[in-house]
Amino acid sequence: MHDLQLHRAGPRDRPVLDRLWLTFRHDMAEHRPVLPFPDGTYRDERLRAALTRPDHDAWLLLLDDRPAGLAVTRAPHDGPQVLSSYFVVRGARRLGLGRRGVHALTSQHPGAWEVAYQAANAPAAAFWPRIAAEIDPLGWHQQDRTVPARPELPPDTWVTFTAHRTSTTSTTSSSPASSDVATTSTRRWTSAGDR
């Protein structure tokens, strides 16, 4: 049994997020070849926005209290919430963590959601439609969209679905004295056979 925690990240989590981001971008280069910058880093404006902009969030997926993945979300005022980056480290894959993390995140923030992926990324192409169908069996859909300001790239595939709040979660605060549980909350989901 693995204990999954979804932790809204803040500036003090930046070192862990930076390391996970490098691993994420390295993995993504397999599907859309991109070399790192001369200093060994990759573009990280989505991650920076998640730590500085009020309509963006960064999330750490913790497996038995160890970093196992990240998520970057944004909540535009005029549209669906967007899961703009989602990553599970290789050592935590095939445990159901990715699936459980998406269910946890989207049920914590019910409403319309969108996720983009590249068709060349076979694991993502299998994962995202399946997850969207689990969350919103009758209402999910997918479509290809051109990448803004990047006509040389193949289109992204977007899945859209509506999430609902579930009662299968429990909340603990990472800061007991905090009155703002939403910005400091950690949610735990435990499952033995979630694959």
Protein backbone atom coordinates (compact mmCIF):
# COMPACT_ATOMS: atom_id res chain seq x y z
CA MET A 1 0.00 0.00 0.00
CA HIS A 2 1.32 3.44 -0.96
CA ASP A 3 0.35 6.69 0.72
CA LEU A 4 -0.16 9.45 -1.85
CA GLN A 5 -0.14 13.09 -0.79
CA LEU A 6 -1.01 16.00 -3.01
CA HIS A 7 0.74 19.09 -1.66
CA ARG A 8 0.21 22.63 -2.98
CA ALA A 9 3.79 23.82 -3.44
CA GLY A 10 5.18 27.17 -2.49
CA PRO A 11 8.48 29.02 -2.87
CA ARG A 12 10.22 26.90 -0.24
CA ASP A 13 9.49 23.82 -2.39
CA ARG A 14 11.35 25.38 -5.33
CA PRO A 15 14.52 23.21 -5.06
CA VAL A 16 12.49 19.98 -5.26
CA LEU A 17 10.29 21.37 -8.04
CA ASP A 18 13.37 22.46 -10.02
CA ARG A 19 14.85 18.97 -9.87
CA LEU A 20 11.57 17.31 -10.82
CA TRP A 21 11.10 19.85 -13.63
CA LEU A 22 14.50 18.96 -15.13
CA THR A 23 13.57 15.29 -15.08
CA PHE A 24 10.16 16.05 -16.60
CA ARG A 25 11.62 18.16 -19.41
CA HIS A 26 14.28 15.51 -20.08
CA ASP A 27 11.54 12.87 -20.40
CA MET A 28 9.50 15.12 -22.69
CA ALA A 29 12.47 15.60 -25.03
CA GLU A 30 11.91 12.01 -26.15
CA HIS A 31 8.65 13.11 -27.79
CA ARG A 32 9.56 16.62 -28.87
CA PRO A 33 13.35 16.90 -29.21
CA VAL A 34 14.64 19.90 -27.28
CA LEU A 35 18.14 20.41 -25.97
CA PRO A 36 18.78 22.00 -22.59
CA PHE A 37 20.21 25.50 -22.31
CA PRO A 38 24.01 25.82 -21.93
CA ASP A 39 23.64 25.71 -18.13
CA GLY A 40 21.81 22.35 -18.33
CA THR A 41 18.33 23.73 -17.56
CA TYR A 42 15.20 23.80 -19.71
CA ARG A 43 12.47 26.37 -20.19
CA ASP A 44 10.58 26.72 -16.94
CA GLU A 45 8.22 29.66 -17.37
CA ARG A 46 5.20 27.46 -16.49
CA LEU A 47 6.83 26.42 -13.24
CA ARG A 48 7.85 30.00 -12.41
CA ALA A 49 4.31 31.21 -13.10
CA ALA A 50 2.93 28.50 -10.83
CA LEU A 51 4.96 29.90 -7.95
CA THR A 52 4.34 33.58 -8.59
CA ARG A 53 0.96 34.11 -10.28
CA PRO A 54 -2.30 33.91 -8.34
CA ASP A 55 -4.11 32.02 -11.13
CA HIS A 56 -1.43 29.29 -11.32
CA ASP A 57 -0.43 26.56 -8.87
CA ALA A 58 2.34 24.00 -8.53
CA TRP A 59 1.64 20.69 -6.83
CA LEU A 60 3.95 18.01 -5.50
CA LEU A 61 2.88 14.39 -5.62
CA LEU A 62 4.45 12.67 -2.63
CA LEU A 63 4.59 8.91 -2.35
CA ASP A 64 5.20 7.79 1.22
CA ASP A 65 6.46 11.36 1.91
CA ARG A 66 8.99 11.34 -0.98
CA PRO A 67 8.72 13.44 -4.16
CA ALA A 68 7.22 11.31 -6.89
CA GLY A 69 5.84 13.87 -9.33
CA LEU A 70 4.54 17.33 -10.00
CA ALA A 71 1.59 19.09 -11.52
CA VAL A 72 1.25 22.65 -12.77
CA THR A 73 -2.23 24.11 -13.09
CA ARG A 74 -3.76 27.39 -14.10
CA ALA A 75 -7.28 28.64 -13.57
CA PRO A 76 -8.13 31.33 -16.12
CA HIS A 77 -11.03 33.58 -15.18
CA ASP A 78 -12.81 32.95 -18.47
CA GLY A 79 -12.45 29.24 -19.10
CA PRO A 80 -11.68 25.77 -17.86
CA GLN A 81 -8.85 24.96 -15.49
CA VAL A 82 -5.78 23.71 -17.31
CA LEU A 83 -3.44 20.98 -16.17
CA SER A 84 -0.48 22.35 -18.10
CA SER A 85 2.22 19.98 -16.82
CA TYR A 86 1.94 16.60 -15.17
CA PHE A 87 4.80 14.26 -14.38
CA VAL A 88 5.45 11.10 -12.38
CA VAL A 89 9.04 9.96 -11.80
CA ARG A 90 9.97 6.63 -13.37
CA GLY A 91 10.44 4.91 -10.02
CA ALA A 92 6.78 5.61 -9.13
CA ARG A 93 5.21 4.66 -12.44
CA ARG A 94 2.93 1.65 -12.83
CA LEU A 95 1.70 2.07 -9.25
CA GLY A 96 -1.49 3.96 -10.13
CA LEU A 97 0.00 7.19 -8.75
CA GLY A 98 -0.60 9.19 -11.93
CA ARG A 99 -4.24 8.16 -12.07
CA ARG A 100 -4.84 8.77 -8.37
CA GLY A 101 -3.09 12.13 -8.50
CA VAL A 102 -5.25 13.42 -11.35
CA HIS A 103 -8.44 12.21 -9.67
CA ALA A 104 -7.37 13.86 -6.41
CA LEU A 105 -6.40 17.16 -7.99
CA THR A 106 -9.46 17.53 -10.19
CA SER A 107 -11.94 16.48 -7.49
CA GLN A 108 -10.38 19.03 -5.14
CA HIS A 109 -11.07 21.69 -7.81
CA PRO A 110 -14.33 20.64 -9.46
CA GLY A 111 -15.41 22.07 -12.79
CA ALA A 112 -14.22 22.03 -16.38
CA TRP A 113 -10.63 20.89 -17.02
CA GLU A 114 -8.38 20.70 -20.06
CA VAL A 115 -5.14 18.80 -20.60
CA ALA A 116 -2.91 18.91 -23.69
CA TYR A 117 -0.49 16.24 -24.83
CA GLN A 118 1.43 15.37 -27.98
CA ALA A 119 0.16 12.45 -30.05
CA ALA A 120 3.76 11.23 -30.43
CA ASN A 121 3.84 10.66 -26.66
CA ALA A 122 2.25 7.20 -26.69
CA PRO A 123 1.98 6.84 -22.88
CA ALA A 124 0.19 10.22 -22.63
CA ALA A 125 -2.02 9.37 -25.61
CA ALA A 126 -3.17 6.24 -23.77
CA PHE A 127 -3.37 7.82 -20.31
CA TRP A 128 -5.27 11.08 -20.79
CA PRO A 129 -8.34 9.84 -22.71
CA ARG A 130 -8.70 6.96 -20.22
CA ILE A 131 -8.50 9.35 -17.24
CA ALA A 132 -10.93 11.82 -18.83
CA ALA A 133 -13.40 8.98 -19.45
CA GLU A 134 -13.10 7.84 -15.82
CA ILE A 135 -13.74 11.33 -14.47
CA ASP A 136 -16.46 12.33 -16.94
CA PRO A 137 -17.71 9.20 -18.74
CA LEU A 138 -20.41 10.89 -20.82
CA GLY A 139 -19.07 14.41 -21.25
CA TRP A 140 -15.35 14.20 -22.03
CA HIS A 141 -14.01 14.88 -25.50
CA GLN A 142 -10.75 15.42 -27.31
CA GLN A 143 -9.61 17.56 -30.21
CA ASP A 144 -6.42 18.61 -31.95
CA ARG A 145 -5.39 22.27 -31.69
CA THR A 146 -2.49 24.09 -33.25
CA VAL A 147 0.26 25.19 -30.89
CA PRO A 148 -0.01 28.99 -30.54
CA ALA A 149 2.81 30.86 -32.33
CA ARG A 150 4.50 27.55 -33.26
CA PRO A 151 3.21 26.54 -36.73
CA GLU A 152 6.21 24.26 -37.27
CA LEU A 153 5.04 21.91 -34.50
CA PRO A 154 2.40 19.22 -34.90
CA PRO A 155 -0.87 20.08 -33.17
CA ASP A 156 -1.45 19.21 -29.52
CA THR A 157 -4.29 16.89 -28.60
CA TRP A 158 -6.52 18.30 -25.88
CA VAL A 159 -8.87 16.36 -23.63
CA THR A 160 -11.67 18.26 -21.91
CA PHE A 161 -13.74 16.91 -19.03
CA THR A 162 -15.73 18.04 -16.01
CA ALA A 163 -14.67 16.94 -12.55
CA HIS A 164 -16.89 16.72 -9.51
CA ARG A 165 -15.97 16.91 -5.84
CA THR A 166 -15.82 13.48 -4.26
CA SER A 167 -16.17 12.53 -0.65
CA THR A 168 -13.32 9.99 -0.75
CA THR A 169 -10.67 12.45 0.42
CA SER A 170 -9.51 13.58 3.79
CA THR A 171 -7.67 16.79 4.46
CA THR A 172 -4.82 17.53 6.77
CA SER A 173 -3.08 20.85 7.03
CA SER A 174 0.66 21.07 6.56
CA SER A 175 0.55 24.13 8.82
CA PRO A 176 -1.73 23.52 11.81
CA ALA A 177 -1.78 27.20 12.72
CA SER A 178 -2.81 28.26 9.24
CA SER A 179 -6.33 29.47 8.69
CA ASP A 180 -5.86 29.21 4.94
CA VAL A 181 -6.14 25.44 4.54
CA ALA A 182 -6.67 25.73 0.77
CA THR A 183 -3.17 27.08 0.21
CA THR A 184 -1.43 24.79 2.67
CA SER A 185 -3.50 21.66 2.42
CA THR A 186 -2.13 18.22 1.84
CA ARG A 187 -4.54 15.54 0.77
CA ARG A 188 -3.89 11.85 1.26
CA TRP A 189 -5.23 8.98 -0.79
CA THR A 190 -4.24 5.45 0.09
CA SER A 191 -4.85 2.46 -2.11
CA ALA A 192 -3.48 -1.05 -2.15
CA GLY A 193 -4.57 -2.26 -5.57
CA ASP A 194 -4.84 0.92 -7.62
CA ARG A 195 -3.03 0.05 -10.84
